[in-house]
Amino acid sequence: MDAGNIEDENGHWYPEHRAKKYRPSQLAKLNPMERSRYLYYEKPTKEMTQAKEAALKRVRLELRQRDAEAENRRMKEVEKQQQEKHNELIGQLKAAEARNRIRLLRIRYNNVRNGELEQMIAYQPTSIRAVRLQALVPQKNNFILSKSDHMLKNDRQRIEEIIDDEEMTTTKRDLTCI
């Protein structure tokens, strides 16, 4: 510690006045400029220190609250985006399933129709009537469903897992570590 300096309990030091020490009544009589110069080097009062600490505490609390609100907004936005992506994926999968069901219904209808036409042609009393009926009512080509699956077993299992996932555990991502 330098000569002429005062250190408080927190380790802060304040220069000791080399000039005359003023009593409160003398300090009140000084003009504002001289009073501020004198008080600049004075050790802050207990009330001033407490007020300063309380103000810093309020500011820190306000900053923590703002940061928490910003983090909550960001997390809600990320969660909303994930939900939208998940809903879009589920919508695409459901649309693909619906298209496939419609395609299968059309194939089944055409196959049944062709079977009935073949039966009508086969039960004609004469061959001339059968040929005439076959010429007038054209048959659509029979479509034979392939028994082989073009998807790999893992891909099909993954798609079924995503479709059956009600709680979004397979598609929901935690992006808090980013």
Protein backbone atom coordinates (compact mmCIF):
# COMPACT_ATOMS: atom_id res chain seq x y z
CA MET A 1 0.00 0.00 0.00
CA ASP A 2 1.31 3.42 -1.00
CA ALA A 3 1.76 6.10 1.54
CA GLY A 4 -1.22 8.44 1.55
CA ASN A 5 -3.73 5.82 0.36
CA ILE A 6 -6.51 4.12 2.30
CA GLU A 7 -7.63 0.55 1.57
CA ASP A 8 -11.06 -0.70 2.61
CA GLU A 9 -12.15 -4.25 3.55
CA ASN A 10 -12.92 -5.17 -0.09
CA GLY A 11 -9.44 -4.31 -1.29
CA HIS A 12 -10.44 -1.01 -2.92
CA TRP A 13 -8.12 1.86 -2.26
CA TYR A 14 -8.88 5.53 -2.06
CA PRO A 15 -6.34 8.34 -1.97
CA GLU A 16 -6.12 10.10 1.32
CA HIS A 17 -6.68 13.84 1.12
CA ARG A 18 -3.45 15.73 1.39
CA ALA A 19 -5.38 18.94 1.76
CA LYS A 20 -7.48 19.97 4.63
CA LYS A 21 -10.27 17.74 5.95
CA TYR A 22 -13.73 19.31 5.80
CA ARG A 23 -16.46 18.89 8.33
CA PRO A 24 -20.02 18.41 6.96
CA SER A 25 -20.95 22.02 7.73
CA GLN A 26 -17.86 23.30 5.87
CA LEU A 27 -18.53 20.88 2.99
CA ALA A 28 -22.05 22.28 2.59
CA LYS A 29 -20.63 25.81 2.19
CA LEU A 30 -18.26 24.84 -0.67
CA ASN A 31 -19.30 25.60 -4.23
CA PRO A 32 -20.48 22.54 -6.22
CA MET A 33 -17.25 22.16 -8.22
CA GLU A 34 -15.00 22.11 -5.15
CA ARG A 35 -17.43 19.84 -3.27
CA SER A 36 -17.46 17.30 -6.14
CA ARG A 37 -13.65 17.36 -6.34
CA TYR A 38 -13.42 16.74 -2.63
CA LEU A 39 -16.09 14.00 -2.57
CA TYR A 40 -14.58 12.24 -5.60
CA TYR A 41 -11.76 10.94 -3.42
CA GLU A 42 -13.88 10.23 -0.36
CA LYS A 43 -14.78 6.71 0.55
CA PRO A 44 -18.42 6.04 -0.45
CA THR A 45 -20.92 5.92 2.38
CA LYS A 46 -22.62 2.72 3.42
CA GLU A 47 -25.94 3.88 1.92
CA MET A 48 -24.26 4.69 -1.40
CA THR A 49 -22.55 1.29 -1.49
CA GLN A 50 -25.82 -0.51 -0.69
CA ALA A 51 -27.70 1.50 -3.31
CA LYS A 52 -25.01 0.70 -5.89
CA GLU A 53 -25.16 -3.04 -5.06
CA ALA A 54 -28.96 -3.04 -5.19
CA ALA A 55 -28.92 -1.31 -8.59
CA LEU A 56 -26.37 -3.80 -9.92
CA LYS A 57 -28.47 -6.68 -8.59
CA ARG A 58 -31.60 -5.31 -10.34
CA VAL A 59 -29.70 -4.87 -13.60
CA ARG A 60 -28.27 -8.40 -13.45
CA LEU A 61 -31.71 -9.82 -12.65
CA GLU A 62 -33.24 -7.91 -15.58
CA LEU A 63 -30.51 -9.17 -17.92
CA ARG A 64 -31.03 -12.77 -16.75
CA GLN A 65 -34.78 -12.45 -17.32
CA ARG A 66 -34.26 -11.02 -20.81
CA ASP A 67 -31.84 -13.82 -21.67
CA ALA A 68 -34.26 -16.43 -20.36
CA GLU A 69 -37.15 -14.93 -22.37
CA ALA A 70 -35.02 -14.81 -25.51
CA GLU A 71 -33.97 -18.43 -24.99
CA ASN A 72 -37.60 -19.47 -24.46
CA ARG A 73 -38.68 -17.68 -27.63
CA ARG A 74 -35.86 -19.31 -29.59
CA MET A 75 -36.72 -22.76 -28.22
CA LYS A 76 -40.42 -22.30 -29.05
CA GLU A 77 -39.50 -21.21 -32.57
CA VAL A 78 -37.21 -24.22 -33.07
CA GLU A 79 -39.89 -26.54 -31.68
CA LYS A 80 -42.50 -24.96 -33.97
CA GLN A 81 -40.24 -25.47 -37.00
CA GLN A 82 -39.64 -29.09 -36.03
CA GLN A 83 -43.37 -29.62 -35.60
CA GLU A 84 -44.03 -28.12 -39.04
CA LYS A 85 -41.40 -30.36 -40.64
CA HIS A 86 -42.84 -33.39 -38.88
CA ASN A 87 -46.38 -32.51 -39.96
CA GLU A 88 -45.21 -32.00 -43.54
CA LEU A 89 -43.46 -35.37 -43.52
CA ILE A 90 -46.51 -37.13 -42.09
CA GLY A 91 -48.71 -35.39 -44.68
CA GLN A 92 -46.47 -36.55 -47.51
CA LEU A 93 -46.48 -40.12 -46.20
CA LYS A 94 -50.27 -40.13 -45.83
CA ALA A 95 -50.68 -38.71 -49.34
CA ALA A 96 -48.42 -41.42 -50.75
CA GLU A 97 -50.44 -44.10 -48.94
CA ALA A 98 -53.69 -42.65 -50.29
CA ARG A 99 -52.31 -42.59 -53.86
CA ASN A 100 -51.23 -46.20 -53.47
CA ARG A 101 -54.67 -47.25 -52.17
CA ILE A 102 -56.37 -45.51 -55.11
CA ARG A 103 -53.99 -47.15 -57.56
CA LEU A 104 -54.71 -50.57 -56.04
CA LEU A 105 -58.48 -49.94 -56.23
CA ARG A 106 -58.22 -49.02 -59.92
CA ILE A 107 -56.16 -52.12 -60.67
CA ARG A 108 -58.60 -54.33 -58.75
CA TYR A 109 -61.59 -52.74 -60.54
CA ASN A 110 -60.01 -53.21 -63.98
CA ASN A 111 -59.09 -56.82 -63.20
CA VAL A 112 -62.66 -57.58 -62.00
CA ARG A 113 -64.12 -55.81 -65.06
CA ASN A 114 -61.86 -57.75 -67.42
CA GLY A 115 -62.78 -61.02 -65.67
CA GLU A 116 -66.49 -60.29 -66.09
CA LEU A 117 -65.99 -59.40 -69.78
CA GLU A 118 -64.07 -62.61 -70.37
CA GLN A 119 -66.86 -64.53 -68.66
CA MET A 120 -69.51 -62.77 -70.80
CA ILE A 121 -67.54 -63.58 -73.95
CA ALA A 122 -67.06 -67.18 -72.90
CA TYR A 123 -70.79 -67.69 -72.27
CA GLN A 124 -71.96 -66.37 -75.67
CA PRO A 125 -74.07 -68.99 -77.49
CA THR A 126 -72.13 -68.71 -80.77
CA SER A 127 -68.56 -67.87 -81.56
CA ILE A 128 -69.63 -65.09 -83.96
CA ARG A 129 -71.43 -63.33 -81.11
CA ALA A 130 -68.40 -63.82 -78.87
CA VAL A 131 -66.06 -62.27 -81.48
CA ARG A 132 -68.49 -59.42 -82.08
CA LEU A 133 -68.79 -58.75 -78.32
CA GLN A 134 -65.02 -58.89 -77.94
CA ALA A 135 -64.58 -56.37 -80.78
CA LEU A 136 -67.26 -53.99 -79.47
CA VAL A 137 -66.19 -53.97 -75.80
CA PRO A 138 -62.41 -53.60 -75.66
CA GLN A 139 -60.64 -55.02 -72.69
CA LYS A 140 -58.08 -53.07 -70.74
CA ASN A 141 -54.81 -54.82 -70.14
CA ASN A 142 -54.67 -56.81 -66.98
CA PHE A 143 -52.24 -55.36 -64.56
CA ILE A 144 -50.49 -57.90 -62.45
CA LEU A 145 -49.23 -56.64 -59.14
CA SER A 146 -45.62 -57.51 -58.60
CA LYS A 147 -45.05 -59.63 -55.57
CA SER A 148 -41.59 -58.20 -55.04
CA ASP A 149 -41.16 -55.12 -52.91
CA HIS A 150 -38.98 -52.44 -54.47
CA MET A 151 -38.11 -50.98 -51.08
CA LEU A 152 -35.42 -52.39 -48.93
CA LYS A 153 -36.49 -54.00 -45.70
CA ASN A 154 -34.77 -51.30 -43.63
CA ASP A 155 -36.40 -48.49 -45.61
CA ARG A 156 -39.87 -50.00 -45.24
CA GLN A 157 -39.30 -50.56 -41.52
CA ARG A 158 -38.14 -46.94 -41.10
CA ILE A 159 -41.19 -45.56 -42.95
CA GLU A 160 -43.57 -47.68 -40.87
CA GLU A 161 -41.80 -46.55 -37.70
CA ILE A 162 -42.21 -42.87 -38.68
CA ILE A 163 -45.88 -43.36 -39.56
CA ASP A 164 -46.67 -45.17 -36.31
CA ASP A 165 -44.75 -42.67 -34.15
CA GLU A 166 -47.38 -40.62 -32.30
CA GLU A 167 -44.99 -38.91 -29.88
CA MET A 168 -42.49 -37.85 -32.59
CA THR A 169 -39.59 -39.58 -30.85
CA THR A 170 -37.97 -40.60 -34.15
CA THR A 171 -38.20 -37.26 -35.93
CA LYS A 172 -38.04 -34.75 -33.09
CA ARG A 173 -34.57 -33.31 -32.75
CA ASP A 174 -33.04 -31.56 -29.76
CA LEU A 175 -31.11 -28.58 -31.11
CA THR A 176 -30.23 -27.01 -27.78
CA CYS A 177 -26.58 -28.05 -28.09
CA ILE A 178 -26.10 -25.96 -31.26
